[in-house]
C-alpha atoms as a PDB file:
ATOM      1  CA  MET A   1     -13.857   8.379   1.967  1.00  0.00           C
ATOM      2  CA  ALA A   2     -16.095   8.695  -1.147  1.00  0.00           C
ATOM      3  CA  ASP A   3     -14.944   7.819  -4.925  1.00  0.00           C
ATOM      4  CA  ASN A   4     -15.407  10.949  -7.002  1.00  0.00           C
ATOM      5  CA  VAL A   5     -15.070  10.413 -10.570  1.00  0.00           C
ATOM      6  CA  TRP A   6     -14.434  12.887 -13.076  1.00  0.00           C
ATOM      7  CA  LEU A   7     -16.515  12.884 -15.712  1.00  0.00           C
ATOM      8  CA  GLY A   8     -16.469  16.456 -17.642  1.00  0.00           C
ATOM      9  CA  GLY A   9     -19.365  17.201 -20.431  1.00  0.00           C
ATOM     10  CA  ASP A  10     -21.775  19.302 -18.432  1.00  0.00           C
ATOM     11  CA  GLY A  11     -23.178  21.861 -20.392  1.00  0.00           C
ATOM     12  CA  ALA A  12     -22.256  24.713 -18.180  1.00  0.00           C
ATOM     13  CA  GLY A  13     -19.078  24.240 -18.593  1.00  0.00           C
ATOM     14  CA  THR A  14     -17.459  20.768 -20.283  1.00  0.00           C
ATOM     15  CA  GLU A  15     -13.815  21.050 -19.287  1.00  0.00           C
ATOM     16  CA  ASP A  16     -14.562  22.867 -15.533  1.00  0.00           C
ATOM     17  CA  TRP A  17     -13.345  20.983 -12.301  1.00  0.00           C
ATOM     18  CA  SER A  18     -16.121  23.670 -10.245  1.00  0.00           C
ATOM     19  CA  VAL A  19     -19.121  22.071 -12.228  1.00  0.00           C
ATOM     20  CA  ALA A  20     -20.334  19.433 -10.148  1.00  0.00           C
ATOM     21  CA  ALA A  21     -22.651  17.959 -12.291  1.00  0.00           C
ATOM     22  CA  ASN A  22     -18.727  16.823 -14.232  1.00  0.00           C
ATOM     23  CA  TRP A  23     -18.405  14.722 -10.876  1.00  0.00           C
ATOM     24  CA  SER A  24     -20.011  11.227 -10.603  1.00  0.00           C
ATOM     25  CA  LEU A  25     -21.301  12.182  -7.054  1.00  0.00           C
ATOM     26  CA  GLY A  26     -23.235  15.423  -7.877  1.00  0.00           C
ATOM     27  CA  THR A  27     -20.430  17.128  -6.210  1.00  0.00           C
ATOM     28  CA  VAL A  28     -16.896  19.076  -6.307  1.00  0.00           C
ATOM     29  CA  PRO A  29     -14.549  17.062  -4.841  1.00  0.00           C
ATOM     30  CA  ASP A  30     -13.727  18.295  -0.978  1.00  0.00           C
ATOM     31  CA  THR A  31     -12.041  16.392   2.349  1.00  0.00           C
ATOM     32  CA  ASN A  32     -14.319  13.773   1.838  1.00  0.00           C
ATOM     33  CA  SER A  33     -13.269  12.531  -1.595  1.00  0.00           C
ATOM     34  CA  GLU A  34     -10.757  10.114  -3.378  1.00  0.00           C
ATOM     35  CA  VAL A  35     -10.356  11.721  -6.926  1.00  0.00           C
ATOM     36  CA  HIS A  36     -10.066   9.344 -10.064  1.00  0.00           C
ATOM     37  CA  ILE A  37      -9.615  10.515 -13.237  1.00  0.00           C
ATOM     38  CA  ASP A  38      -9.745   7.789 -15.937  1.00  0.00           C
ATOM     39  CA  VAL A  39     -10.413   6.288 -19.569  1.00  0.00           C
ATOM     40  CA  ARG A  40     -13.944   6.992 -20.617  1.00  0.00           C
ATOM     41  CA  ASP A  41     -15.544   6.924 -23.720  1.00  0.00           C
ATOM     42  CA  THR A  42     -15.463  10.459 -24.222  1.00  0.00           C
ATOM     43  CA  MET A  43     -12.523  11.823 -22.414  1.00  0.00           C
ATOM     44  CA  TYR A  44     -12.494  15.666 -21.537  1.00  0.00           C
ATOM     45  CA  ASP A  45      -9.730  17.947 -20.313  1.00  0.00           C
ATOM     46  CA  ILE A  46     -10.040  19.947 -17.309  1.00  0.00           C
ATOM     47  CA  THR A  47      -8.806  23.516 -18.161  1.00  0.00           C
ATOM     48  CA  ALA A  48     -11.545  25.613 -16.113  1.00  0.00           C
ATOM     49  CA  GLY A  49     -12.137  25.584 -12.570  1.00  0.00           C
ATOM     50  CA  LEU A  50      -8.491  25.070 -12.067  1.00  0.00           C
ATOM     51  CA  ASP A  51      -8.384  27.303  -8.593  1.00  0.00           C
ATOM     52  CA  GLN A  52      -9.447  25.174  -5.688  1.00  0.00           C
ATOM     53  CA  THR A  53      -7.689  26.503  -3.053  1.00  0.00           C
ATOM     54  CA  ALA A  54     -10.653  26.639  -0.947  1.00  0.00           C
ATOM     55  CA  ALA A  55     -11.648  23.364  -1.444  1.00  0.00           C
ATOM     56  CA  GLY A  56      -9.890  21.861   1.784  1.00  0.00           C
ATOM     57  CA  GLN A  57      -7.284  18.815   1.477  1.00  0.00           C
ATOM     58  CA  ILE A  58      -8.674  16.508  -1.014  1.00  0.00           C
ATOM     59  CA  ASN A  59      -7.814  12.731   0.586  1.00  0.00           C
ATOM     60  CA  GLU A  60      -6.172  11.552  -2.590  1.00  0.00           C
ATOM     61  CA  ILE A  61      -5.978  12.108  -6.523  1.00  0.00           C
ATOM     62  CA  ASN A  62      -5.475   9.634  -8.866  1.00  0.00           C
ATOM     63  CA  ILE A  63      -5.009  10.099 -12.749  1.00  0.00           C
ATOM     64  CA  TYR A  64      -4.681   6.752 -14.901  1.00  0.00           C
ATOM     65  CA  GLN A  65      -2.626   6.475 -18.031  1.00  0.00           C
ATOM     66  CA  GLY A  66      -5.893   5.828 -19.928  1.00  0.00           C
ATOM     67  CA  TYR A  67      -7.038   9.077 -19.381  1.00  0.00           C
ATOM     68  CA  THR A  68      -5.893  11.652 -22.531  1.00  0.00           C
ATOM     69  CA  GLY A  69      -7.436  14.401 -21.695  1.00  0.00           C
ATOM     70  CA  LEU A  70      -5.021  17.359 -20.907  1.00  0.00           C
ATOM     71  CA  ILE A  71      -5.284  18.883 -17.112  1.00  0.00           C
ATOM     72  CA  GLY A  72      -4.540  22.635 -17.056  1.00  0.00           C
ATOM     73  CA  THR A  73      -3.512  25.407 -19.816  1.00  0.00           C
ATOM     74  CA  THR A  74      -0.625  26.590 -21.397  1.00  0.00           C
ATOM     75  CA  THR A  75      -0.396  29.121 -18.551  1.00  0.00           C
ATOM     76  CA  ALA A  76      -2.600  27.992 -15.587  1.00  0.00           C
ATOM     77  CA  TYR A  77      -2.141  25.001 -13.386  1.00  0.00           C
ATOM     78  CA  LEU A  78      -4.886  23.302 -11.314  1.00  0.00           C
ATOM     79  CA  GLN A  79      -4.079  24.396  -8.158  1.00  0.00           C
ATOM     80  CA  VAL A  80      -5.171  21.843  -5.296  1.00  0.00           C
ATOM     81  CA  ASN A  81      -4.740  20.629  -1.736  1.00  0.00           C
ATOM     82  CA  THR A  82      -4.360  17.241  -1.363  1.00  0.00           C
ATOM     83  CA  ALA A  83      -2.440  14.105   0.954  1.00  0.00           C
ATOM     84  CA  GLU A  84      -1.580  12.091  -2.095  1.00  0.00           C
ATOM     85  CA  LEU A  85      -0.837  12.689  -5.776  1.00  0.00           C
ATOM     86  CA  ASN A  86      -0.763   9.449  -8.247  1.00  0.00           C
ATOM     87  CA  ILE A  87       0.093  10.031 -11.966  1.00  0.00           C
ATOM     88  CA  GLY A  88       0.505   7.536 -14.338  1.00  0.00           C
ATOM     89  CA  ILE A  89      -1.659   4.467 -12.871  1.00  0.00           C
ATOM     90  CA  PRO A  90      -1.811   1.660 -15.249  1.00  0.00           C
ATOM     91  CA  SER A  91      -5.635   1.352 -16.262  1.00  0.00           C
ATOM     92  CA  GLY A  92      -5.372  -2.155 -17.667  1.00  0.00           C
ATOM     93  CA  ARG A  93      -5.912  -0.494 -21.131  1.00  0.00           C
ATOM     94  CA  PRO A  94      -3.416  -2.079 -23.959  1.00  0.00           C
ATOM     95  CA  ALA A  95      -1.359   0.787 -25.509  1.00  0.00           C
ATOM     96  CA  GLU A  96      -1.918   3.415 -22.912  1.00  0.00           C
ATOM     97  CA  GLN A  97      -0.843   6.594 -23.996  1.00  0.00           C
ATOM     98  CA  GLY A  98      -1.370   8.886 -20.808  1.00  0.00           C
ATOM     99  CA  SER A  99      -1.946  12.591 -20.983  1.00  0.00           C
ATOM    100  CA  GLY A 100       0.280  14.963 -22.723  1.00  0.00           C
ATOM    101  CA  ARG A 101      -0.310  17.610 -20.273  1.00  0.00           C
ATOM    102  CA  ILE A 102      -0.931  17.429 -16.914  1.00  0.00           C
ATOM    103  CA  ARG A 103      -0.139  20.748 -14.740  1.00  0.00           C
ATOM    104  CA  ILE A 104      -0.523  20.846 -11.014  1.00  0.00           C
ATOM    105  CA  GLU A 105       0.595  23.378  -8.402  1.00  0.00           C
ATOM    106  CA  LEU A 106       0.683  21.701  -4.803  1.00  0.00           C
ATOM    107  CA  GLN A 107      -0.862  24.265  -2.102  1.00  0.00           C
ATOM    108  CA  ASP A 108      -0.982  22.632   1.013  1.00  0.00           C
ATOM    109  CA  ALA A 109       1.425  24.325   3.188  1.00  0.00           C
ATOM    110  CA  GLY A 110       2.475  20.228   5.193  1.00  0.00           C
ATOM    111  CA  SER A 111       3.670  18.052   2.796  1.00  0.00           C
ATOM    112  CA  THR A 112       2.069  15.027  -0.182  1.00  0.00           C
ATOM    113  CA  GLU A 113       3.039  12.028  -1.244  1.00  0.00           C
ATOM    114  CA  VAL A 114       3.505  12.195  -5.308  1.00  0.00           C
ATOM    115  CA  HIS A 115       3.783   9.068  -6.826  1.00  0.00           C
ATOM    116  CA  ILE A 116       4.284   9.143 -10.690  1.00  0.00           C
ATOM    117  CA  HIS A 117       4.255   5.779 -12.420  1.00  0.00           C
ATOM    118  CA  ASP A 118       4.377   6.986 -15.833  1.00  0.00           C
ATOM    119  CA  THR A 119       3.818   9.956 -18.332  1.00  0.00           C
ATOM    120  CA  ALA A 120       3.251  10.518 -21.964  1.00  0.00           C
ATOM    121  CA  ALA A 121       5.916   9.922 -24.046  1.00  0.00           C
ATOM    122  CA  ALA A 122       5.155  12.978 -25.315  1.00  0.00           C
ATOM    123  CA  PRO A 123       4.296  16.630 -24.679  1.00  0.00           C
ATOM    124  CA  ALA A 124       0.902  18.207 -25.992  1.00  0.00           C
ATOM    125  CA  ASP A 125       3.501  21.479 -25.675  1.00  0.00           C
ATOM    126  CA  ALA A 126       6.078  21.193 -27.309  1.00  0.00           C
ATOM    127  CA  GLY A 127       9.567  22.581 -25.311  1.00  0.00           C
ATOM    128  CA  HIS A 128       7.835  21.465 -21.970  1.00  0.00           C
ATOM    129  CA  ALA A 129       7.290  17.999 -20.020  1.00  0.00           C
ATOM    130  CA  PRO A 130       3.940  16.317 -19.949  1.00  0.00           C
ATOM    131  CA  VAL A 131       4.004  16.471 -16.335  1.00  0.00           C
ATOM    132  CA  ILE A 132       4.948  19.620 -14.631  1.00  0.00           C
ATOM    133  CA  LEU A 133       4.563  20.114 -11.035  1.00  0.00           C
ATOM    134  CA  LEU A 134       4.464  23.545  -8.663  1.00  0.00           C
ATOM    135  CA  SER A 135       4.056  24.405  -5.263  1.00  0.00           C
ATOM    136  CA  GLN A 136       4.219  28.233  -6.221  1.00  0.00           C
ATOM    137  CA  ALA A 137       1.728  29.422  -2.909  1.00  0.00           C
ATOM    138  CA  GLY A 138       2.220  27.041  -0.396  1.00  0.00           C
ATOM    139  CA  SER A 139       5.220  26.066   1.931  1.00  0.00           C
ATOM    140  CA  GLY A 140       5.001  22.710   1.981  1.00  0.00           C
ATOM    141  CA  ASN A 141       7.906  20.129   1.591  1.00  0.00           C
ATOM    142  CA  HIS A 142       6.891  17.243  -0.550  1.00  0.00           C
ATOM    143  CA  ASP A 143       8.032  13.775  -1.260  1.00  0.00           C
ATOM    144  CA  VAL A 144       8.070  12.374  -4.594  1.00  0.00           C
ATOM    145  CA  SER A 145       8.512   9.326  -6.433  1.00  0.00           C
ATOM    146  CA  ILE A 146       8.939   8.887  -9.778  1.00  0.00           C
ATOM    147  CA  SER A 147       9.304   5.361 -11.605  1.00  0.00           C
ATOM    148  CA  GLY A 148       8.721   6.097 -15.267  1.00  0.00           C
ATOM    149  CA  GLY A 149       8.014   9.310 -17.870  1.00  0.00           C
ATOM    150  CA  ILE A 150       9.311  12.781 -18.616  1.00  0.00           C
ATOM    151  CA  VAL A 151       8.432  15.008 -15.615  1.00  0.00           C
ATOM    152  CA  GLY A 152       9.774  18.995 -14.573  1.00  0.00           C
ATOM    153  CA  LEU A 153       9.877  20.495 -11.094  1.00  0.00           C
ATOM    154  CA  ALA A 154       9.044  24.015 -11.669  1.00  0.00           C
ATOM    155  CA  THR A 155      10.462  24.451 -15.037  1.00  0.00           C
ATOM    156  CA  LEU A 156       7.715  26.663 -16.969  1.00  0.00           C
ATOM    157  CA  GLU A 157       8.813  29.755 -15.959  1.00  0.00           C
ATOM    158  CA  GLN A 158      11.531  31.632 -14.316  1.00  0.00           C
ATOM    159  CA  GLY A 159       9.575  32.212 -10.859  1.00  0.00           C
ATOM    160  CA  ASP A 160       8.443  29.021 -10.658  1.00  0.00           C
ATOM    161  CA  ARG A 161       8.698  27.119  -7.280  1.00  0.00           C
ATOM    162  CA  PHE A 162       8.738  23.977  -6.074  1.00  0.00           C
ATOM    163  CA  THR A 163       9.962  22.763  -3.097  1.00  0.00           C
ATOM    164  CA  TYR A 164      10.587  18.956  -1.759  1.00  0.00           C
ATOM    165  CA  THR A 165      12.059  16.820   0.814  1.00  0.00           C
ATOM    166  CA  SER A 166      12.923  14.004  -1.454  1.00  0.00           C
ATOM    167  CA  VAL A 167      12.824  12.898  -4.768  1.00  0.00           C
ATOM    168  CA  THR A 168      13.366   9.156  -5.478  1.00  0.00           C
ATOM    169  CA  ILE A 169      13.691   7.211  -8.952  1.00  0.00           C
ATOM    170  CA  THR A 170      12.805   3.970  -8.401  1.00  0.00           C
ATOM    171  CA  PRO A 171      14.709   1.057  -9.704  1.00  0.00           C
ATOM    172  CA  GLU A 172      12.531  -0.606 -11.451  1.00  0.00           C
ATOM    173  CA  GLY A 173       9.599   1.383 -13.946  1.00  0.00           C
ATOM    174  CA  PRO A 174       7.489   1.235 -17.109  1.00  0.00           C
ATOM    175  CA  SER A 175       9.846   3.593 -18.599  1.00  0.00           C
ATOM    176  CA  THR A 176      13.152   5.401 -18.817  1.00  0.00           C
ATOM    177  CA  PRO A 177      12.591   8.673 -16.142  1.00  0.00           C
ATOM    178  CA  HIS A 178      13.310  12.161 -17.735  1.00  0.00           C
ATOM    179  CA  VAL A 179      13.432  14.491 -14.864  1.00  0.00           C
ATOM    180  CA  THR A 180      14.203  18.200 -15.123  1.00  0.00           C
ATOM    181  CA  ILE A 181      14.515  20.265 -12.029  1.00  0.00           C
ATOM    182  CA  GLY A 182      13.848  24.035 -12.909  1.00  0.00           C
ATOM    183  CA  PHE A 183      15.195  27.422 -11.727  1.00  0.00           C
ATOM    184  CA  GLY A 184      12.860  27.939  -8.777  1.00  0.00           C
ATOM    185  CA  ALA A 185      13.117  24.503  -7.213  1.00  0.00           C
ATOM    186  CA  GLU A 186      14.597  25.099  -3.864  1.00  0.00           C
ATOM    187  CA  SER A 187      17.271  23.199  -2.640  1.00  0.00           C
ATOM    188  CA  GLY A 188      16.036  19.109  -1.528  1.00  0.00           C
ATOM    189  CA  ALA A 189      16.949  17.504   1.369  1.00  0.00           C
ATOM    190  CA  VAL A 190      17.580  13.974  -0.603  1.00  0.00           C
ATOM    191  CA  PHE A 191      17.541  12.920  -4.065  1.00  0.00           C
ATOM    192  CA  ASN A 192      18.056   9.339  -4.833  1.00  0.00           C
ATOM    193  CA  MET A 193      18.577   7.912  -8.123  1.00  0.00           C
ATOM    194  CA  SER A 194      19.107   3.992  -9.546  1.00  0.00           C
ATOM    195  CA  ARG A 195      18.493   4.565 -13.299  1.00  0.00           C
ATOM    196  CA  GLY A 196      17.172   7.633 -16.009  1.00  0.00           C
ATOM    197  CA  VAL A 197      18.589  11.296 -16.859  1.00  0.00           C
ATOM    198  CA  VAL A 198      18.599  14.297 -14.540  1.00  0.00           C
ATOM    199  CA  HIS A 199      19.337  17.829 -14.939  1.00  0.00           C
ATOM    200  CA  ASP A 200      19.223  19.901 -12.005  1.00  0.00           C
ATOM    201  CA  GLN A 201      18.788  23.557 -12.860  1.00  0.00           C
ATOM    202  CA  GLY A 202      17.842  24.474  -9.468  1.00  0.00           C
ATOM    203  CA  ALA A 203      19.342  25.021  -6.127  1.00  0.00           C
ATOM    204  CA  GLY A 204      20.652  21.831  -5.954  1.00  0.00           C
ATOM    205  CA  ASN A 205      20.612  19.233  -3.244  1.00  0.00           C
ATOM    206  CA  THR A 206      21.689  18.518   1.123  1.00  0.00           C
ATOM    207  CA  THR A 207      22.163  14.794  -0.481  1.00  0.00           C
ATOM    208  CA  VAL A 208      22.102  13.236  -4.043  1.00  0.00           C
ATOM    209  CA  ASN A 209      22.750   9.356  -4.073  1.00  0.00           C
ATOM    210  CA  VAL A 210      23.694   7.944  -7.676  1.00  0.00           C
ATOM    211  CA  ARG A 211      22.952   4.390  -8.158  1.00  0.00           C
ATOM    212  CA  GLY A 212      22.575   4.246 -11.755  1.00  0.00           C
ATOM    213  CA  GLY A 213      21.410   6.986 -14.962  1.00  0.00           C
ATOM    214  CA  GLU A 214      23.044   9.866 -15.102  1.00  0.00           C
ATOM    215  CA  PHE A 215      22.679  13.347 -13.361  1.00  0.00           C
ATOM    216  CA  THR A 216      23.950  16.779 -14.299  1.00  0.00           C
ATOM    217  CA  SER A 217      24.110  19.592 -12.347  1.00  0.00           C
ATOM    218  CA  TRP A 218      23.726  23.184 -14.185  1.00  0.00           C
ATOM    219  CA  ASN A 219      23.810  27.152 -13.209  1.00  0.00           C
ATOM    220  CA  SER A 220      25.698  27.313  -9.362  1.00  0.00           C
ATOM    221  CA  GLY A 221      23.744  24.318  -7.419  1.00  0.00           C
ATOM    222  CA  ALA A 222      25.467  23.213  -4.145  1.00  0.00           C
ATOM    223  CA  TYR A 223      25.480  19.750  -2.900  1.00  0.00           C
ATOM    224  CA  THR A 224      26.456  18.916   0.588  1.00  0.00           C
ATOM    225  CA  ASN A 225      26.816  15.322  -0.013  1.00  0.00           C
ATOM    226  CA  VAL A 226      27.304  14.133  -3.198  1.00  0.00           C
ATOM    227  CA  ASN A 227      27.663  10.211  -3.336  1.00  0.00           C
ATOM    228  CA  VAL A 228      28.487   8.198  -7.011  1.00  0.00           C
ATOM    229  CA  TYR A 229      27.919   4.294  -6.569  1.00  0.00           C
ATOM    230  CA  ASP A 230      27.110   3.571 -10.106  1.00  0.00           C
ATOM    231  CA  GLY A 231      26.227   5.567 -12.777  1.00  0.00           C
ATOM    232  CA  VAL A 232      27.777   9.313 -13.561  1.00  0.00           C
ATOM    233  CA  PHE A 233      27.627  12.780 -11.914  1.00  0.00           C
ATOM    234  CA  ARG A 234      28.181  15.744 -14.189  1.00  0.00           C
ATOM    235  CA  HIS A 235      29.316  18.465 -12.213  1.00  0.00           C
ATOM    236  CA  ASN A 236      28.620  21.321 -14.966  1.00  0.00           C
ATOM    237  CA  SER A 237      27.915  24.133 -11.982  1.00  0.00           C
ATOM    238  CA  GLU A 238      29.749  26.549 -10.365  1.00  0.00           C
ATOM    239  CA  GLY A 239      28.526  25.745  -7.133  1.00  0.00           C
ATOM    240  CA  THR A 240      30.636  24.184  -3.960  1.00  0.00           C
ATOM    241  CA  ILE A 241      30.320  20.590  -3.024  1.00  0.00           C
ATOM    242  CA  THR A 242      31.335  19.877   0.306  1.00  0.00           C
ATOM    243  CA  ASN A 243      31.976  15.836   0.200  1.00  0.00           C
ATOM    244  CA  LEU A 244      32.206  13.683  -2.642  1.00  0.00           C
ATOM    245  CA  MET A 245      32.370  10.065  -2.767  1.00  0.00           C
ATOM    246  CA  VAL A 246      32.621   7.656  -5.725  1.00  0.00           C
ATOM    247  CA  SER A 247      32.658   4.390  -5.168  1.00  0.00           C
ATOM    248  CA  GLY A 248      32.578   0.707  -7.848  1.00  0.00           C
ATOM    249  CA  GLY A 249      31.792   1.822 -11.122  1.00  0.00           C
ATOM    250  CA  GLY A 250      30.758   5.559 -10.147  1.00  0.00           C
ATOM    251  CA  VAL A 251      32.023   8.182 -12.686  1.00  0.00           C
ATOM    252  CA  PHE A 252      32.226  11.791 -11.567  1.00  0.00           C
ATOM    253  CA  THR A 253      33.224  14.380 -14.076  1.00  0.00           C
ATOM    254  CA  SER A 254      33.184  18.064 -14.491  1.00  0.00           C
ATOM    255  CA  ALA A 255      35.576  18.187 -17.907  1.00  0.00           C
ATOM    256  CA  ALA A 256      32.730  20.066 -19.703  1.00  0.00           C
ATOM    257  CA  ASP A 257      33.002  22.841 -17.443  1.00  0.00           C
ATOM    258  CA  ALA A 258      35.796  24.672 -17.243  1.00  0.00           C
ATOM    259  CA  ARG A 259      34.277  27.285 -14.634  1.00  0.00           C
ATOM    260  CA  ALA A 260      36.326  27.695 -11.257  1.00  0.00           C
ATOM    261  CA  LYS A 261      34.499  25.274  -8.296  1.00  0.00           C
ATOM    262  CA  THR A 262      35.463  23.472  -5.079  1.00  0.00           C
ATOM    263  CA  ILE A 263      35.172  20.420  -3.843  1.00  0.00           C
ATOM    264  CA  SER A 264      35.905  20.129  -0.362  1.00  0.00           C
ATOM    265  CA  ASN A 265      36.538  16.576   0.278  1.00  0.00           C
ATOM    266  CA  ILE A 266      37.005  13.634  -2.313  1.00  0.00           C
ATOM    267  CA  ASP A 267      36.909  10.346  -1.360  1.00  0.00           C
ATOM    268  CA  LEU A 268      37.358   7.796  -3.575  1.00  0.00           C
ATOM    269  CA  TYR A 269      36.892   3.434  -3.457  1.00  0.00           C
ATOM    270  CA  ASN A 270      38.095   1.013  -5.479  1.00  0.00           C
ATOM    271  CA  GLY A 271      36.286   1.106  -9.717  1.00  0.00           C
ATOM    272  CA  ALA A 272      35.774   4.694  -9.108  1.00  0.00           C
ATOM    273  CA  THR A 273      36.361   7.214 -11.842  1.00  0.00           C
ATOM    274  CA  LEU A 274      37.512  11.365 -11.094  1.00  0.00           C
ATOM    275  CA  ASP A 275      37.519  13.272 -14.627  1.00  0.00           C
ATOM    276  CA  LEU A 276      38.348  16.756 -14.070  1.00  0.00           C
ATOM    277  CA  ASP A 277      40.395  17.506 -17.188  1.00  0.00           C
ATOM    278  CA  THR A 278      38.677  20.099 -18.751  1.00  0.00           C
ATOM    279  CA  GLY A 279      41.717  20.493 -21.544  1.00  0.00           C
ATOM    280  CA  ASN A 280      42.576  23.816 -19.964  1.00  0.00           C
ATOM    281  CA  ALA A 281      44.246  24.760 -16.437  1.00  0.00           C
ATOM    282  CA  LEU A 282      42.575  22.725 -13.570  1.00  0.00           C
ATOM    283  CA  SER A 283      39.935  24.722 -11.978  1.00  0.00           C
ATOM    284  CA  ILE A 284      39.038  22.950  -9.373  1.00  0.00           C
ATOM    285  CA  THR A 285      39.790  23.457  -5.698  1.00  0.00           C
ATOM    286  CA  ALA A 286      40.159  19.822  -3.445  1.00  0.00           C
ATOM    287  CA  THR A 287      40.055  21.832  -0.270  1.00  0.00           C
ATOM    288  CA  ASN A 288      41.256  18.605   1.591  1.00  0.00           C
ATOM    289  CA  HIS A 289      42.838  16.637  -1.204  1.00  0.00           C
ATOM    290  CA  ILE A 290      41.948  13.728  -2.697  1.00  0.00           C
ATOM    291  CA  ASP A 291      41.512  10.320  -0.302  1.00  0.00           C
ATOM    292  CA  LEU A 292      41.919   7.187  -1.729  1.00  0.00           C
ATOM    293  CA  GLN A 293      39.834   4.570   0.742  1.00  0.00           C
ATOM    294  CA  ARG A 294      40.913   1.223   1.138  1.00  0.00           C
ATOM    295  CA  CYS A 295      42.631   1.420  -2.572  1.00  0.00           C
ATOM    296  CA  GLY A 296      45.398   2.569  -4.312  1.00  0.00           C
ATOM    297  CA  LEU A 297      46.595   4.575  -7.909  1.00  0.00           C
ATOM    298  CA  ASP A 298      45.794   1.191  -9.525  1.00  0.00           C
ATOM    299  CA  ASP A 299      42.611   1.051  -8.211  1.00  0.00           C
ATOM    300  CA  VAL A 300      41.103   4.292  -9.335  1.00  0.00           C
ATOM    301  CA  THR A 301      40.810   6.099 -12.794  1.00  0.00           C
ATOM    302  CA  LEU A 302      41.972   9.831 -12.448  1.00  0.00           C
ATOM    303  CA  ARG A 303      41.851  12.183 -15.451  1.00  0.00           C
ATOM    304  CA  LEU A 304      43.160  15.450 -13.615  1.00  0.00           C
ATOM    305  CA  GLY A 305      44.665  17.249 -16.620  1.00  0.00           C
ATOM    306  CA  LYS A 306      47.912  18.616 -16.835  1.00  0.00           C
ATOM    307  CA  ASN A 307      50.748  20.439 -14.992  1.00  0.00           C
ATOM    308  CA  LEU A 308      50.231  19.241 -11.914  1.00  0.00           C
ATOM    309  CA  THR A 309      51.801  18.785  -8.580  1.00  0.00           C
ATOM    310  CA  ILE A 310      50.514  15.596  -6.751  1.00  0.00           C
ATOM    311  CA  ILE A 311      52.172  14.994  -3.066  1.00  0.00           C
ATOM    312  CA  PRO A 312      51.358  11.637  -1.750  1.00  0.00           C
ATOM    313  CA  ALA A 313      50.309  11.773   2.217  1.00  0.00           C
ATOM    314  CA  VAL A 314      50.298   8.602   4.444  1.00  0.00           C
ATOM    315  CA  VAL A 315      47.007   8.187   6.444  1.00  0.00           C
ATOM    316  CA  VAL A 316      47.325   5.953   9.450  1.00  0.00           C
END
């Protein structure tokens, strides 16, 4: 594979991806390319020639934290097919700021490995994340890992889409991750987090594993498995949770949302907190009751509201 570095500045279109002279190899990136967008004395935005759907699958796209130019416009994404996308890679310079706008629409029908190391601390466009990803035209299911920064998945417009197999917030990174899953994000297979803040406005997930940080569900997102080992899961969605497990220092709360909702199976372990007290009549249906696993009432914290009838059952 050949390294092809973004230069920009050619008179035919200083910010145009599709102008060959804007690239170090003198050719527009194609299936033989590893793209590098890094810090330079003069950094040009990439705001034209954004539709690269006919270029084939680029092997790798690397966007470094030292690059402060903008990628995409307020209304258009860079549309690319790539096997691997790396955003916010350290450039080795002090006080790297990152790009305030990176908008990329993944086109591949298979899957892309996406690694977001960090983002700019402030967006170029108020009210939107510095990094926003789509998979609008593709049917691929992408694997995303996030180590830091502010990231949006299909968060710009109501009809946007992003499909994913997994999203993982890594245990360590350069900054606290803030991730928003937009209305058009389709239900993913697994979401793993160990820290940071996540807002899920989409369709929910098959499995959410919270080992730290705060995960908040909104709208009507539904979940098959929610496992809260540590940190907080805030259920502000009316969608059903099939299996809920809370253990250790984990907290599950729906106290901020009084809408009726169903949690089919609830398993609590030593140290768990279950807070269903909205201050109003209890609106949670626990289809198969609340099961204390290898612990008793003194080992967990229950906030269930008032006017309840609790019927203990012995499990042999």
